[in-house]
Structures are given as structure tokens and as C-alpha cells.
């Protein structure tokens, strides 16, 4: 989901993004080390997104942009996550414990808010 959130950021909508951008955002948002989410994992994620038609590579550049289908996919995925998947998981978590918000909840809210600008 964090990879999907990269697309929602306004700066990447204008000029596109690289696999390095994805790697940096995922590492930062989820507090992962370079070993936990490295160059190859970011490249793999971009490759899979290209195969599914969500992103396309810009000609002559090492940058990617969302396709029309990609914009629809990101909006749909994040909306479903916010209104269906999120509440179900939240209810399960509440039944297990009444702990404070974890890092994933904070990232999720940032990503969803950013998609409203798409």
C-alpha cells in the first residue's frame, strides 16, 4: 500500500517517479532499512506495476507515470482500503487490543488524504 501511496503525492504526479523514489518513500514511511527494502525490491515493484498497466515508463527517461488505468486503480484501491478493508481490520485489532495507533495507520491516513488531490 505504501508503494501505491507514492503515486498519490503531488510532486510525483507532475514529473513522474523513479524506483529510487519508491524505495525512499517506503523506507521512510515504514522505518525500514536498506536491507529490508532495497533496490531490487523497489525495481520488482515497479516492474510488476508496469506489467499490470498501472504505470508506464517515459520515453528517453528513467521515470514512470501513472496510466489512466493506474489513476483509477489507485483511487479505487485506496477508497476500498479506507472504507472496507480498514474498518474490518480496525475492528479485528480493537477486539485483540486497545493499543495506540501504529505506524501503518499513520501512513495509511497520509496516503488516503493525498489521493483526494488526484
N, C-alpha and C. Protein backbone atom coordinates (compact mmCIF):
# COMPACT_ATOMS: atom_id res chain seq x y z
N UNK A 1 0.81 -1.18 0.00
CA UNK A 1 0.00 0.00 0.00
C UNK A 1 0.86 1.25 0.00
N UNK A 2 1.99 1.20 0.65
CA UNK A 2 2.87 2.36 0.68
C UNK A 2 3.35 2.70 -0.72
N UNK A 3 3.62 1.71 -1.53
CA UNK A 3 4.03 1.96 -2.92
C UNK A 3 2.93 2.70 -3.65
N UNK A 4 1.69 2.28 -3.43
CA UNK A 4 0.56 2.96 -4.06
C UNK A 4 0.48 4.40 -3.58
N UNK A 5 0.81 4.64 -2.34
CA UNK A 5 0.77 5.99 -1.79
C UNK A 5 1.77 6.94 -2.43
N UNK A 6 2.85 6.41 -2.95
CA UNK A 6 3.83 7.26 -3.64
C UNK A 6 3.17 7.96 -4.81
N UNK A 7 2.29 7.25 -5.51
CA UNK A 7 1.64 7.81 -6.69
C UNK A 7 0.73 8.97 -6.34
N UNK A 8 0.22 8.97 -5.13
CA UNK A 8 -0.74 10.00 -4.73
C UNK A 8 -0.06 11.32 -4.39
N UNK A 9 1.24 11.30 -4.19
CA UNK A 9 1.95 12.52 -3.84
C UNK A 9 2.03 13.43 -5.05
N UNK A 10 1.68 14.68 -4.85
CA UNK A 10 1.58 15.64 -5.94
C UNK A 10 2.87 15.80 -6.72
N UNK A 11 4.01 15.81 -6.04
CA UNK A 11 5.28 16.02 -6.74
C UNK A 11 5.58 14.92 -7.75
N UNK A 12 5.07 13.69 -7.50
CA UNK A 12 5.32 12.60 -8.43
C UNK A 12 4.30 12.58 -9.56
N UNK A 13 3.19 13.25 -9.41
CA UNK A 13 2.20 13.32 -10.49
C UNK A 13 2.68 14.24 -11.59
N UNK A 14 3.44 15.26 -11.23
CA UNK A 14 3.88 16.26 -12.20
C UNK A 14 5.05 15.74 -13.03
N UNK A 15 6.11 15.28 -12.35
CA UNK A 15 7.33 14.90 -13.04
C UNK A 15 7.55 13.39 -13.08
N UNK A 16 6.64 12.61 -12.56
CA UNK A 16 6.84 11.18 -12.52
C UNK A 16 7.70 10.77 -11.33
N UNK A 17 8.08 9.51 -11.29
CA UNK A 17 8.86 8.99 -10.18
C UNK A 17 9.81 7.92 -10.68
N UNK A 18 10.80 7.61 -9.87
CA UNK A 18 11.76 6.56 -10.18
C UNK A 18 11.61 5.45 -9.15
N UNK A 19 12.27 4.33 -9.38
CA UNK A 19 12.25 3.27 -8.37
C UNK A 19 12.97 3.74 -7.10
N UNK A 20 13.92 4.65 -7.27
CA UNK A 20 14.61 5.22 -6.11
C UNK A 20 13.63 6.01 -5.24
N UNK A 21 12.73 6.75 -5.87
CA UNK A 21 11.71 7.49 -5.12
C UNK A 21 10.83 6.54 -4.32
N UNK A 22 10.43 5.44 -4.95
CA UNK A 22 9.61 4.46 -4.26
C UNK A 22 10.37 3.88 -3.08
N UNK A 23 11.61 3.51 -3.31
CA UNK A 23 12.43 2.93 -2.25
C UNK A 23 12.55 3.88 -1.07
N UNK A 24 12.83 5.14 -1.35
CA UNK A 24 12.99 6.12 -0.28
C UNK A 24 11.69 6.30 0.50
N UNK A 25 10.57 6.41 -0.19
CA UNK A 25 9.28 6.61 0.49
C UNK A 25 8.90 5.42 1.36
N UNK A 26 9.08 4.22 0.82
CA UNK A 26 8.74 3.02 1.59
C UNK A 26 9.64 2.90 2.81
N UNK A 27 10.94 3.10 2.62
CA UNK A 27 11.86 3.02 3.75
C UNK A 27 11.53 4.06 4.81
N UNK A 28 11.20 5.26 4.40
CA UNK A 28 10.91 6.34 5.33
C UNK A 28 9.59 6.10 6.07
N UNK A 29 8.54 5.81 5.31
CA UNK A 29 7.21 5.66 5.91
C UNK A 29 7.11 4.44 6.84
N UNK A 30 7.78 3.36 6.49
CA UNK A 30 7.68 2.13 7.28
C UNK A 30 8.89 1.89 8.17
N UNK A 31 9.80 2.86 8.21
CA UNK A 31 11.01 2.74 9.03
C UNK A 31 11.78 1.45 8.74
N UNK A 32 12.02 1.20 7.47
CA UNK A 32 12.76 0.01 7.05
C UNK A 32 14.19 0.37 6.70
N UNK A 33 15.08 -0.57 6.85
CA UNK A 33 16.46 -0.36 6.47
C UNK A 33 16.63 -0.68 4.99
N UNK A 34 17.81 -0.36 4.46
CA UNK A 34 18.10 -0.67 3.06
C UNK A 34 18.09 -2.17 2.81
N UNK A 35 18.41 -2.95 3.83
CA UNK A 35 18.39 -4.40 3.69
C UNK A 35 16.96 -4.95 3.67
N UNK A 36 16.07 -4.31 4.39
CA UNK A 36 14.69 -4.78 4.47
C UNK A 36 13.89 -4.43 3.21
N UNK A 37 14.17 -3.29 2.61
CA UNK A 37 13.51 -2.88 1.36
C UNK A 37 14.56 -2.17 0.52
N UNK A 38 15.17 -2.92 -0.36
CA UNK A 38 16.29 -2.39 -1.12
C UNK A 38 15.97 -2.09 -2.57
N UNK A 39 17.03 -1.91 -3.33
CA UNK A 39 16.94 -1.55 -4.74
C UNK A 39 16.16 -2.60 -5.53
N UNK A 40 16.46 -3.85 -5.30
CA UNK A 40 15.83 -4.92 -6.08
C UNK A 40 14.35 -5.05 -5.77
N UNK A 41 13.96 -4.85 -4.51
CA UNK A 41 12.54 -4.92 -4.16
C UNK A 41 11.78 -3.77 -4.82
N UNK A 42 12.35 -2.57 -4.81
CA UNK A 42 11.70 -1.42 -5.45
C UNK A 42 11.58 -1.65 -6.96
N UNK A 43 12.65 -2.14 -7.56
CA UNK A 43 12.61 -2.42 -9.00
C UNK A 43 11.55 -3.48 -9.32
N UNK A 44 11.48 -4.51 -8.49
CA UNK A 44 10.48 -5.57 -8.67
C UNK A 44 9.07 -4.97 -8.61
N UNK A 45 8.82 -4.10 -7.64
CA UNK A 45 7.50 -3.48 -7.51
C UNK A 45 7.15 -2.66 -8.75
N UNK A 46 8.10 -1.88 -9.25
CA UNK A 46 7.85 -1.08 -10.46
C UNK A 46 7.60 -1.99 -11.66
N UNK A 47 8.37 -3.04 -11.78
CA UNK A 47 8.19 -3.97 -12.89
C UNK A 47 6.81 -4.60 -12.88
N UNK A 48 6.35 -5.02 -11.71
CA UNK A 48 5.01 -5.61 -11.59
C UNK A 48 3.93 -4.59 -11.92
N UNK A 49 4.11 -3.35 -11.50
CA UNK A 49 3.13 -2.30 -11.81
C UNK A 49 3.08 -2.04 -13.31
N UNK A 50 4.24 -2.10 -13.97
CA UNK A 50 4.27 -1.93 -15.44
C UNK A 50 3.56 -3.09 -16.13
N UNK A 51 3.81 -4.30 -15.66
CA UNK A 51 3.20 -5.48 -16.26
C UNK A 51 1.68 -5.43 -16.17
N UNK A 52 1.16 -4.83 -15.12
CA UNK A 52 -0.28 -4.75 -14.92
C UNK A 52 -0.89 -3.48 -15.51
N UNK A 53 -0.07 -2.65 -16.16
CA UNK A 53 -0.58 -1.46 -16.83
C UNK A 53 -0.92 -0.31 -15.90
N UNK A 54 -0.38 -0.31 -14.70
CA UNK A 54 -0.67 0.75 -13.74
C UNK A 54 0.27 1.94 -13.96
N UNK A 55 1.51 1.66 -14.31
CA UNK A 55 2.46 2.73 -14.62
C UNK A 55 3.08 2.47 -15.98
N UNK A 56 3.62 3.52 -16.57
CA UNK A 56 4.34 3.38 -17.84
C UNK A 56 5.62 4.19 -17.76
N UNK A 57 6.63 3.71 -18.45
CA UNK A 57 7.91 4.39 -18.46
C UNK A 57 7.87 5.53 -19.47
N UNK A 58 8.44 6.66 -19.10
CA UNK A 58 8.53 7.79 -20.03
C UNK A 58 9.64 7.50 -21.03
N UNK A 59 9.39 7.83 -22.27
CA UNK A 59 10.38 7.57 -23.32
C UNK A 59 11.62 8.43 -23.09
N UNK A 60 12.78 7.81 -23.15
CA UNK A 60 14.05 8.51 -23.04
C UNK A 60 14.42 8.92 -21.63
N UNK A 61 13.62 8.51 -20.65
CA UNK A 61 13.91 8.86 -19.26
C UNK A 61 13.74 7.63 -18.38
N UNK A 62 14.35 7.67 -17.23
CA UNK A 62 14.22 6.57 -16.28
C UNK A 62 13.16 6.94 -15.24
N UNK A 63 12.03 7.43 -15.71
CA UNK A 63 10.95 7.85 -14.83
C UNK A 63 9.65 7.18 -15.27
N UNK A 64 8.74 7.06 -14.34
CA UNK A 64 7.46 6.40 -14.60
C UNK A 64 6.32 7.33 -14.22
N UNK A 65 5.18 7.15 -14.89
CA UNK A 65 3.97 7.90 -14.57
C UNK A 65 2.80 6.93 -14.54
N UNK A 66 1.75 7.32 -13.81
CA UNK A 66 0.53 6.52 -13.79
C UNK A 66 -0.16 6.59 -15.14
N UNK A 67 -0.71 5.48 -15.56
CA UNK A 67 -1.56 5.46 -16.74
C UNK A 67 -2.96 5.89 -16.30
N UNK A 68 -3.87 6.05 -17.26
CA UNK A 68 -5.26 6.36 -16.89
C UNK A 68 -5.83 5.25 -16.02
N UNK A 69 -5.53 4.01 -16.40
CA UNK A 69 -5.96 2.88 -15.58
C UNK A 69 -5.32 2.93 -14.20
N UNK A 70 -4.06 3.36 -14.14
CA UNK A 70 -3.34 3.45 -12.88
C UNK A 70 -3.99 4.44 -11.92
N UNK A 71 -4.43 5.58 -12.43
CA UNK A 71 -5.11 6.56 -11.59
C UNK A 71 -6.39 5.96 -11.03
N UNK A 72 -7.15 5.30 -11.89
CA UNK A 72 -8.38 4.65 -11.45
C UNK A 72 -8.09 3.56 -10.42
N UNK A 73 -7.06 2.78 -10.66
CA UNK A 73 -6.67 1.71 -9.74
C UNK A 73 -6.31 2.27 -8.38
N UNK A 74 -5.47 3.30 -8.35
CA UNK A 74 -5.02 3.87 -7.08
C UNK A 74 -6.21 4.44 -6.30
N UNK A 75 -7.07 5.17 -6.97
CA UNK A 75 -8.24 5.73 -6.28
C UNK A 75 -9.15 4.62 -5.74
N UNK A 76 -9.39 3.61 -6.55
CA UNK A 76 -10.26 2.51 -6.14
C UNK A 76 -9.65 1.74 -4.98
N UNK A 77 -8.37 1.40 -5.10
CA UNK A 77 -7.70 0.63 -4.06
C UNK A 77 -7.71 1.38 -2.73
N UNK A 78 -7.35 2.64 -2.75
CA UNK A 78 -7.28 3.40 -1.50
C UNK A 78 -8.66 3.68 -0.91
N UNK A 79 -9.66 3.86 -1.77
CA UNK A 79 -11.02 4.05 -1.27
C UNK A 79 -11.54 2.76 -0.63
N UNK A 80 -11.33 1.62 -1.30
CA UNK A 80 -11.72 0.34 -0.71
C UNK A 80 -11.00 0.11 0.61
N UNK A 81 -9.73 0.44 0.62
CA UNK A 81 -8.96 0.23 1.84
C UNK A 81 -9.50 1.09 2.98
N UNK A 82 -9.85 2.33 2.68
CA UNK A 82 -10.33 3.25 3.72
C UNK A 82 -11.70 2.85 4.24
N UNK A 83 -12.61 2.46 3.33
CA UNK A 83 -14.00 2.25 3.74
C UNK A 83 -14.40 0.79 3.95
N UNK A 84 -13.59 -0.16 3.47
CA UNK A 84 -13.95 -1.57 3.63
C UNK A 84 -12.87 -2.32 4.41
N UNK A 85 -11.69 -2.40 3.83
CA UNK A 85 -10.62 -3.19 4.43
C UNK A 85 -10.17 -2.60 5.76
N UNK A 86 -9.96 -1.28 5.78
CA UNK A 86 -9.52 -0.61 7.00
C UNK A 86 -10.43 -0.83 8.19
N UNK A 87 -11.74 -0.57 8.03
CA UNK A 87 -12.65 -0.79 9.16
C UNK A 87 -12.70 -2.24 9.65
N UNK A 88 -12.63 -3.19 8.70
CA UNK A 88 -12.64 -4.60 9.11
C UNK A 88 -11.41 -4.91 9.94
N UNK A 89 -10.25 -4.50 9.44
CA UNK A 89 -9.01 -4.76 10.18
C UNK A 89 -9.00 -4.01 11.50
N UNK A 90 -9.50 -2.78 11.48
CA UNK A 90 -9.56 -1.99 12.70
C UNK A 90 -10.43 -2.67 13.75
N UNK A 91 -11.56 -3.21 13.31
CA UNK A 91 -12.43 -3.92 14.24
C UNK A 91 -11.76 -5.16 14.81
N UNK A 92 -11.01 -5.86 13.98
CA UNK A 92 -10.29 -7.04 14.47
C UNK A 92 -9.21 -6.64 15.46
N UNK A 93 -8.49 -5.55 15.13
CA UNK A 93 -7.45 -5.08 16.04
C UNK A 93 -8.03 -4.60 17.36
N UNK A 94 -9.18 -3.94 17.32
CA UNK A 94 -9.81 -3.44 18.54
C UNK A 94 -10.23 -4.60 19.43
N UNK A 95 -10.65 -5.69 18.81
CA UNK A 95 -11.05 -6.86 19.58
C UNK A 95 -9.85 -7.51 20.26
N UNK A 96 -8.70 -7.40 19.64
CA UNK A 96 -7.50 -8.02 20.19
C UNK A 96 -6.88 -7.14 21.27
N UNK A 97 -6.75 -5.84 20.99
CA UNK A 97 -6.17 -4.94 21.98
C UNK A 97 -6.60 -3.51 21.72
N UNK A 98 -6.47 -2.68 22.70
CA UNK A 98 -6.83 -1.26 22.59
C UNK A 98 -5.55 -0.43 22.55
N UNK A 99 -4.58 -0.84 21.74
CA UNK A 99 -3.28 -0.18 21.66
C UNK A 99 -3.40 1.14 20.90
N UNK A 100 -2.35 1.98 21.00
CA UNK A 100 -2.28 3.23 20.26
C UNK A 100 -2.16 2.94 18.77
N UNK A 101 -2.37 3.99 17.96
CA UNK A 101 -2.20 3.84 16.52
C UNK A 101 -0.78 3.39 16.21
N UNK A 102 -0.66 2.44 15.30
CA UNK A 102 0.67 2.03 14.89
C UNK A 102 1.12 2.83 13.67
N UNK A 103 2.33 2.62 13.25
CA UNK A 103 2.91 3.38 12.13
C UNK A 103 2.12 3.15 10.84
N UNK A 104 1.60 1.96 10.64
CA UNK A 104 0.85 1.66 9.41
C UNK A 104 -0.42 2.51 9.33
N UNK A 105 -1.08 2.74 10.47
CA UNK A 105 -2.29 3.59 10.47
C UNK A 105 -1.96 5.01 10.08
N UNK A 106 -0.85 5.52 10.57
CA UNK A 106 -0.44 6.89 10.26
C UNK A 106 -0.13 7.01 8.77
N UNK A 107 0.62 6.06 8.22
CA UNK A 107 0.96 6.05 6.80
C UNK A 107 -0.31 5.95 5.96
N UNK A 108 -1.20 5.07 6.37
CA UNK A 108 -2.44 4.87 5.63
C UNK A 108 -3.23 6.18 5.52
N UNK A 109 -3.37 6.89 6.63
CA UNK A 109 -4.13 8.14 6.61
C UNK A 109 -3.46 9.20 5.74
N UNK A 110 -2.14 9.28 5.75
CA UNK A 110 -1.42 10.22 4.90
C UNK A 110 -1.67 9.90 3.42
N UNK A 111 -1.59 8.62 3.09
CA UNK A 111 -1.76 8.19 1.70
C UNK A 111 -3.17 8.48 1.22
N UNK A 112 -4.16 8.15 2.03
CA UNK A 112 -5.54 8.37 1.60
C UNK A 112 -5.82 9.85 1.41
N UNK A 113 -5.35 10.68 2.33
CA UNK A 113 -5.56 12.12 2.20
C UNK A 113 -4.90 12.66 0.93
N UNK A 114 -3.75 12.11 0.57
CA UNK A 114 -3.05 12.56 -0.62
C UNK A 114 -3.80 12.16 -1.89
N UNK A 115 -4.54 11.05 -1.86
CA UNK A 115 -5.25 10.62 -3.07
C UNK A 115 -6.43 11.52 -3.39
N UNK A 116 -6.90 12.25 -2.43
CA UNK A 116 -8.02 13.14 -2.69
C UNK A 116 -7.63 14.25 -3.66
N UNK A 117 -6.32 14.48 -3.82
CA UNK A 117 -5.86 15.52 -4.76
C UNK A 117 -5.65 14.98 -6.17
N UNK A 118 -5.77 13.68 -6.38
CA UNK A 118 -5.56 13.10 -7.71
C UNK A 118 -6.60 13.59 -8.69
